[in-house]
C-alpha cells in the first residue's frame, strides 16, 4: 500500500480582501523527497506555508501534513519549521531559546542541538538580539533540525549565510533526506533548489505554473555551444538540425543553441576541424525565468 503524501493540498486558496495570494493550489509531496517550492518574492510561497502550519486559515480548500492537520500538536511535533524571519525573544540566548522550543515540542534534543551548533559555528551564549542576520539563520536551522523531524518546512533557509555555510546546509539537507525525512524547500534562489531538489513546483501570482522533476526541466533546457572552426563551414547545416533554435556566426566561431539532445549537433561538428569548444552552460535558468514572468503556460504534472 502506497504511503500517504507528506504534504497534500487540494484547491488551497487564501484571499486578503480583493487580493488572491494563493489560488486553488494542488500539491502532493511524497515521503522522503526534497521538494523545491520556487517563485519570486510575493508569489504566495510564505502564505502557503503559513496555511500548511495553520498559522492562518485558508479561504477555501484544505491541506494535510503527514496525513493529519497542521493544527494537531502531535503532527507539529514531527515537523521542523524554519520561517523566513525567526521570532524569538531578543533577551534569550541560543541555549535558552532552544530549551524553550524543546519544552514546547517535548523530548530531549540538547545533544543534537549542540552538535548542529558546532557544525554551523554558532555561539549559543549570545543573546538573540545581538546576533547578526547570518547567526540568527544558523539558530533557526539548529532549532528546525534538532529534533530530527519527519518533515522539514524551510522558508528561504540560507538567507544571510556565507557560501561555506550554504554548502554545509545543503549537506545537512541531503543527510536527513537520506535518513528518510521529507524536505519542503521554499526559495527564490534557483541554484540552491537545483542542487537539492528532485522535484520542484513554481508558483506565480498565487497559482502553480509547473510541477516537474529537475530532469524533466533539464530536458527542456537550452544548451549553448560555441565551436571555433579552422577552415570553411556551412552554418546552414546546423540550422536544419533537430532541436536547434538558434545559430550565429562570428568570424570562425559558430554558436549553436539547441533544446534537448545535442547529439545531432555534435555529429555535424565532428565533420569539421574544431580547434576549440566552449559550453557556457545550459539555459535552465531561462526556463525558470519564463515561468516566473508568465511566459510559459501551466503544464500537467
Protein backbone atom coordinates (compact mmCIF):
# COMPACT_ATOMS: atom_id res chain seq x y z
CA UNK A 1 0.00 0.00 0.00
CA UNK A 2 1.41 3.38 -1.02
CA UNK A 3 2.31 5.85 1.70
CA UNK A 4 0.20 8.97 2.08
CA UNK A 5 1.85 12.19 0.85
CA UNK A 6 3.91 14.04 3.42
CA UNK A 7 2.18 17.22 2.24
CA UNK A 8 -1.09 17.35 0.36
CA UNK A 9 -3.15 20.36 -0.67
CA UNK A 10 -6.40 20.46 -2.58
CA UNK A 11 -7.74 23.71 -4.04
CA UNK A 12 -5.94 25.56 -1.24
CA UNK A 13 -6.86 29.23 -1.52
CA UNK A 14 -6.21 32.34 0.52
CA UNK A 15 -7.59 35.79 -0.14
CA UNK A 16 -6.76 39.04 1.61
CA UNK A 17 -9.64 41.26 0.64
CA UNK A 18 -9.53 41.51 -3.15
CA UNK A 19 -6.00 40.08 -3.30
CA UNK A 20 -5.80 36.35 -4.12
CA UNK A 21 -2.48 35.34 -2.52
CA UNK A 22 -2.84 31.59 -3.18
CA UNK A 23 -5.29 30.31 -5.77
CA UNK A 24 -6.57 26.70 -5.88
CA UNK A 25 -3.20 25.11 -5.07
CA UNK A 26 -2.97 21.33 -5.59
CA UNK A 27 0.28 19.72 -4.38
CA UNK A 28 1.47 16.26 -3.39
CA UNK A 29 4.89 15.99 -1.75
CA UNK A 30 5.98 12.39 -1.35
CA UNK A 31 7.62 10.97 1.79
CA UNK A 32 11.40 11.17 1.70
CA UNK A 33 11.72 13.61 -1.20
CA UNK A 34 13.34 17.02 -1.31
CA UNK A 35 10.72 19.21 -2.92
CA UNK A 36 11.55 22.69 -4.15
CA UNK A 37 8.89 25.38 -3.96
CA UNK A 38 10.03 28.31 -6.07
CA UNK A 39 8.73 31.67 -7.02
CA UNK A 40 9.63 35.33 -6.92
CA UNK A 41 9.01 37.36 -3.78
CA UNK A 42 5.28 37.87 -3.33
CA UNK A 43 4.31 34.80 -5.35
CA UNK A 44 2.49 33.13 -2.43
CA UNK A 45 5.18 30.82 -1.02
CA UNK A 46 5.11 32.02 2.59
CA UNK A 47 1.31 32.30 2.62
CA UNK A 48 1.13 28.66 1.52
CA UNK A 49 3.46 27.59 4.32
CA UNK A 50 1.50 29.54 6.92
CA UNK A 51 -1.66 27.75 5.84
CA UNK A 52 0.04 24.35 5.98
CA UNK A 53 1.03 25.02 9.59
CA UNK A 54 -2.38 26.52 10.50
CA UNK A 55 -0.91 29.92 11.32
CA UNK A 56 -3.58 31.33 9.02
CA UNK A 57 -6.72 29.63 7.80
CA UNK A 58 -7.47 29.12 4.11
CA UNK A 59 -10.31 30.94 2.45
CA UNK A 60 -11.11 27.69 0.67
CA UNK A 61 -9.62 24.23 0.17
CA UNK A 62 -7.66 22.05 2.56
CA UNK A 63 -4.21 20.73 3.39
CA UNK A 64 -2.70 17.76 5.23
CA UNK A 65 0.73 17.29 6.81
CA UNK A 66 1.91 13.73 7.47
CA UNK A 67 -1.67 12.59 6.99
CA UNK A 68 -3.12 14.97 9.58
CA UNK A 69 -3.82 18.60 10.36
CA UNK A 70 -1.07 21.15 10.77
CA UNK A 71 -3.00 22.35 13.83
CA UNK A 72 -2.57 18.99 15.61
CA UNK A 73 0.20 19.21 18.28
CA UNK A 74 1.16 15.58 17.59
CA UNK A 75 1.73 16.47 13.92
CA UNK A 76 3.52 19.71 14.78
CA UNK A 77 5.97 17.77 16.96
CA UNK A 78 7.04 15.82 13.87
CA UNK A 79 7.66 18.95 11.80
CA UNK A 80 10.74 21.15 11.73
CA UNK A 81 9.91 24.68 10.61
CA UNK A 82 12.31 27.45 9.66
CA UNK A 83 10.45 30.72 8.97
CA UNK A 84 11.84 33.47 6.80
CA UNK A 85 12.22 35.56 9.98
CA UNK A 86 12.70 33.77 13.30
CA UNK A 87 10.52 35.41 16.01
CA UNK A 88 12.36 34.88 19.29
CA UNK A 89 12.68 36.96 22.46
CA UNK A 90 15.67 39.28 21.99
CA UNK A 91 16.84 38.57 25.56
CA UNK A 92 17.06 34.80 25.06
CA UNK A 93 20.46 33.43 24.27
CA UNK A 94 20.74 30.43 21.97
CA UNK A 95 20.71 27.87 24.77
CA UNK A 96 17.61 29.40 26.39
CA UNK A 97 15.78 29.69 23.07
CA UNK A 98 16.47 26.08 22.15
CA UNK A 99 15.43 24.88 25.61
CA UNK A 100 12.16 26.81 25.28
CA UNK A 101 11.42 25.25 21.89
CA UNK A 102 12.42 21.81 23.16
CA UNK A 103 9.92 22.13 26.01
CA UNK A 104 7.16 23.04 23.56
CA UNK A 105 7.87 20.01 21.40
CA UNK A 106 8.67 17.53 24.13
CA UNK A 107 11.70 15.28 24.26
CA UNK A 108 15.36 15.96 24.89
CA UNK A 109 17.28 17.32 21.92
CA UNK A 110 20.12 19.08 23.74
CA UNK A 111 22.91 16.81 22.48
CA UNK A 112 21.76 17.06 18.87
CA UNK A 113 21.40 20.85 19.17
CA UNK A 114 24.99 21.19 20.41
CA UNK A 115 26.30 19.09 17.51
CA UNK A 116 24.44 21.24 14.99
CA UNK A 117 25.54 24.48 16.67
CA UNK A 118 29.17 23.38 16.45
CA UNK A 119 28.71 22.34 12.84
CA UNK A 120 27.41 25.80 11.91
CA UNK A 121 29.84 27.65 14.21
CA UNK A 122 27.04 29.14 16.29
CA UNK A 123 27.75 30.69 19.71
CA UNK A 124 24.77 29.68 21.88
CA UNK A 125 25.70 32.06 24.72
CA UNK A 126 24.93 35.29 22.86
CA UNK A 127 21.50 36.97 23.20
CA UNK A 128 19.27 36.69 20.16
CA UNK A 129 19.00 40.47 19.93
CA UNK A 130 22.77 40.75 19.43
CA UNK A 131 23.00 38.18 16.65
CA UNK A 132 23.69 39.10 13.04
CA UNK A 133 21.30 38.02 10.30
CA UNK A 134 23.54 35.09 9.47
CA UNK A 135 23.77 33.91 13.08
CA UNK A 136 20.01 34.18 13.51
CA UNK A 137 19.70 31.98 10.44
CA UNK A 138 22.08 29.46 12.00
CA UNK A 139 19.96 29.35 15.16
CA UNK A 140 16.88 28.85 13.01
CA UNK A 141 18.50 25.90 11.26
CA UNK A 142 19.52 24.31 14.56
CA UNK A 143 16.01 24.59 16.05
CA UNK A 144 14.40 23.20 12.88
CA UNK A 145 16.67 20.16 12.64
CA UNK A 146 17.49 19.37 16.28
CA UNK A 147 14.52 17.07 16.99
CA UNK A 148 15.11 15.00 13.82
CA UNK A 149 11.65 15.68 12.40
CA UNK A 150 9.88 13.59 9.78
CA UNK A 151 9.07 16.70 7.75
CA UNK A 152 11.07 19.90 7.37
CA UNK A 153 9.43 23.05 6.02
CA UNK A 154 12.13 25.59 5.26
CA UNK A 155 11.39 29.14 4.10
CA UNK A 156 14.41 30.87 2.48
CA UNK A 157 16.72 28.81 4.71
CA UNK A 158 20.14 30.12 3.66
CA UNK A 159 19.37 33.83 3.51
CA UNK A 160 22.29 35.60 5.17
CA UNK A 161 24.64 32.59 5.26
CA UNK A 162 28.08 32.74 3.69
CA UNK A 163 28.86 30.33 0.81
CA UNK A 164 30.68 27.81 3.04
CA UNK A 165 27.72 27.53 5.41
CA UNK A 166 25.31 27.36 2.49
CA UNK A 167 27.24 24.28 1.35
CA UNK A 168 27.09 22.89 4.90
CA UNK A 169 23.34 23.41 4.95
CA UNK A 170 22.97 21.58 1.65
CA UNK A 171 24.97 18.66 3.04
CA UNK A 172 22.70 18.55 6.11
CA UNK A 173 19.56 18.50 3.96
CA UNK A 174 20.90 15.61 1.90
CA UNK A 175 21.77 13.71 5.08
CA UNK A 176 18.32 14.00 6.64
CA UNK A 177 16.62 13.12 3.35
CA UNK A 178 18.83 10.02 3.05
CA UNK A 179 17.64 9.07 6.55
CA UNK A 180 14.00 9.28 5.40
CA UNK A 181 12.89 12.82 6.20
CA UNK A 182 10.84 14.89 3.74
CA UNK A 183 12.12 18.37 2.96
CA UNK A 184 9.90 21.15 1.60
CA UNK A 185 12.28 23.87 0.50
CA UNK A 186 10.76 27.23 -0.31
CA UNK A 187 13.11 29.66 -2.01
CA UNK A 188 13.57 32.19 -4.79
CA UNK A 189 17.20 31.04 -5.20
CA UNK A 190 17.42 28.71 -8.20
CA UNK A 191 20.94 27.31 -7.61
CA UNK A 192 20.07 26.18 -4.08
CA UNK A 193 16.94 24.33 -5.14
CA UNK A 194 18.57 22.95 -8.27
CA UNK A 195 21.36 21.46 -6.14
CA UNK A 196 18.99 19.70 -3.75
CA UNK A 197 15.52 19.04 -5.11
CA UNK A 198 14.46 16.08 -7.20
CA UNK A 199 11.15 17.76 -7.99
CA UNK A 200 10.02 21.36 -7.98
CA UNK A 201 6.92 23.47 -8.15
CA UNK A 202 6.96 27.03 -9.42
CA UNK A 203 4.28 29.35 -8.11
CA UNK A 204 3.47 32.61 -9.85
CA UNK A 205 0.87 35.12 -8.68
CA UNK A 206 -0.54 32.52 -6.31
CA UNK A 207 -1.03 29.84 -8.96
CA UNK A 208 1.05 26.86 -9.94
CA UNK A 209 2.99 27.42 -13.14
CA UNK A 210 4.59 23.98 -13.24
CA UNK A 211 5.33 20.85 -11.20
CA UNK A 212 8.16 18.78 -12.68
CA UNK A 213 11.27 16.81 -11.90
CA UNK A 214 14.60 18.52 -12.36
CA UNK A 215 15.40 16.01 -15.13
CA UNK A 216 12.20 16.98 -16.97
CA UNK A 217 13.16 20.64 -16.78
CA UNK A 218 16.73 19.92 -17.87
CA UNK A 219 15.39 18.03 -20.88
CA UNK A 220 13.65 21.24 -21.92
CA UNK A 221 16.64 23.46 -21.19
CA UNK A 222 18.59 25.06 -23.98
CA UNK A 223 22.27 24.27 -24.49
CA UNK A 224 24.64 26.86 -25.90
CA UNK A 225 27.77 25.53 -27.65
CA UNK A 226 30.48 27.66 -29.24
CA UNK A 227 32.70 25.95 -31.83
CA UNK A 228 35.89 27.61 -33.08
CA UNK A 229 36.43 26.16 -36.55
CA UNK A 230 39.53 26.05 -38.74
CA UNK A 231 38.56 26.34 -42.38
CA UNK A 232 35.30 26.96 -44.25
CA UNK A 233 31.95 25.71 -42.94
CA UNK A 234 28.27 25.98 -43.77
CA UNK A 235 26.23 27.28 -40.82
CA UNK A 236 23.05 26.36 -42.66
CA UNK A 237 23.74 22.68 -41.98
CA UNK A 238 23.28 23.34 -38.26
CA UNK A 239 20.12 25.42 -38.70
CA UNK A 240 18.28 22.40 -40.09
CA UNK A 241 19.24 20.01 -37.30
CA UNK A 242 16.57 18.73 -34.87
CA UNK A 243 16.30 20.77 -31.68
CA UNK A 244 18.38 23.70 -32.94
CA UNK A 245 16.71 27.03 -32.18
CA UNK A 246 19.50 29.49 -32.95
CA UNK A 247 22.70 29.57 -34.99
CA UNK A 248 25.04 32.59 -35.13
CA UNK A 249 28.43 33.12 -36.75
CA UNK A 250 31.19 35.50 -35.69
CA UNK A 251 34.29 35.05 -37.80
CA UNK A 252 35.36 31.44 -37.30
CA UNK A 253 33.20 31.00 -34.22
CA UNK A 254 29.92 29.14 -34.66
CA UNK A 255 27.40 29.34 -31.82
CA UNK A 256 24.58 26.80 -31.73
CA UNK A 257 21.68 26.87 -29.25
CA UNK A 258 19.69 23.63 -29.03
CA UNK A 259 16.88 22.22 -26.91
CA UNK A 260 17.01 18.67 -25.59
CA UNK A 261 19.53 16.27 -27.13
CA UNK A 262 22.61 17.77 -28.76
CA UNK A 263 23.65 14.51 -30.43
CA UNK A 264 22.94 15.74 -33.97
CA UNK A 265 24.88 18.96 -33.32
CA UNK A 266 27.95 17.10 -32.08
CA UNK A 267 27.87 14.69 -35.03
CA UNK A 268 27.67 17.57 -37.50
CA UNK A 269 30.56 19.36 -35.77
CA UNK A 270 32.63 16.17 -35.96
CA UNK A 271 32.84 16.60 -39.75
CA UNK A 272 34.67 19.93 -39.25
CA UNK A 273 38.06 20.89 -37.85
CA UNK A 274 37.13 22.20 -34.42
CA UNK A 275 40.01 23.95 -32.64
CA UNK A 276 38.13 24.94 -29.51
CA UNK A 277 34.81 24.03 -27.90
CA UNK A 278 33.05 26.10 -25.22
CA UNK A 279 29.86 25.24 -23.37
CA UNK A 280 28.87 28.31 -21.33
CA UNK A 281 26.16 26.20 -19.70
CA UNK A 282 22.57 25.29 -20.38
CA UNK A 283 19.80 27.80 -20.11
CA UNK A 284 17.86 26.09 -17.33
CA UNK A 285 17.67 29.47 -15.63
CA UNK A 286 15.82 30.76 -18.67
CA UNK A 287 13.20 28.04 -18.22
CA UNK A 288 12.60 29.19 -14.66
CA UNK A 289 12.57 32.84 -15.69
CA UNK A 290 9.90 32.12 -18.28
CA UNK A 291 7.66 30.55 -15.66
CA UNK A 292 8.37 33.35 -13.19
CA UNK A 293 7.46 36.02 -15.69
CA UNK A 294 4.45 34.26 -17.18
CA UNK A 295 5.98 33.30 -20.49
CA UNK A 296 5.05 29.63 -20.05
CA UNK A 297 1.60 28.19 -19.51
CA UNK A 298 0.74 25.68 -16.82
CA UNK A 299 1.79 22.13 -17.58
CA UNK A 300 0.40 18.81 -16.48
CA UNK A 301 2.09 17.05 -13.61
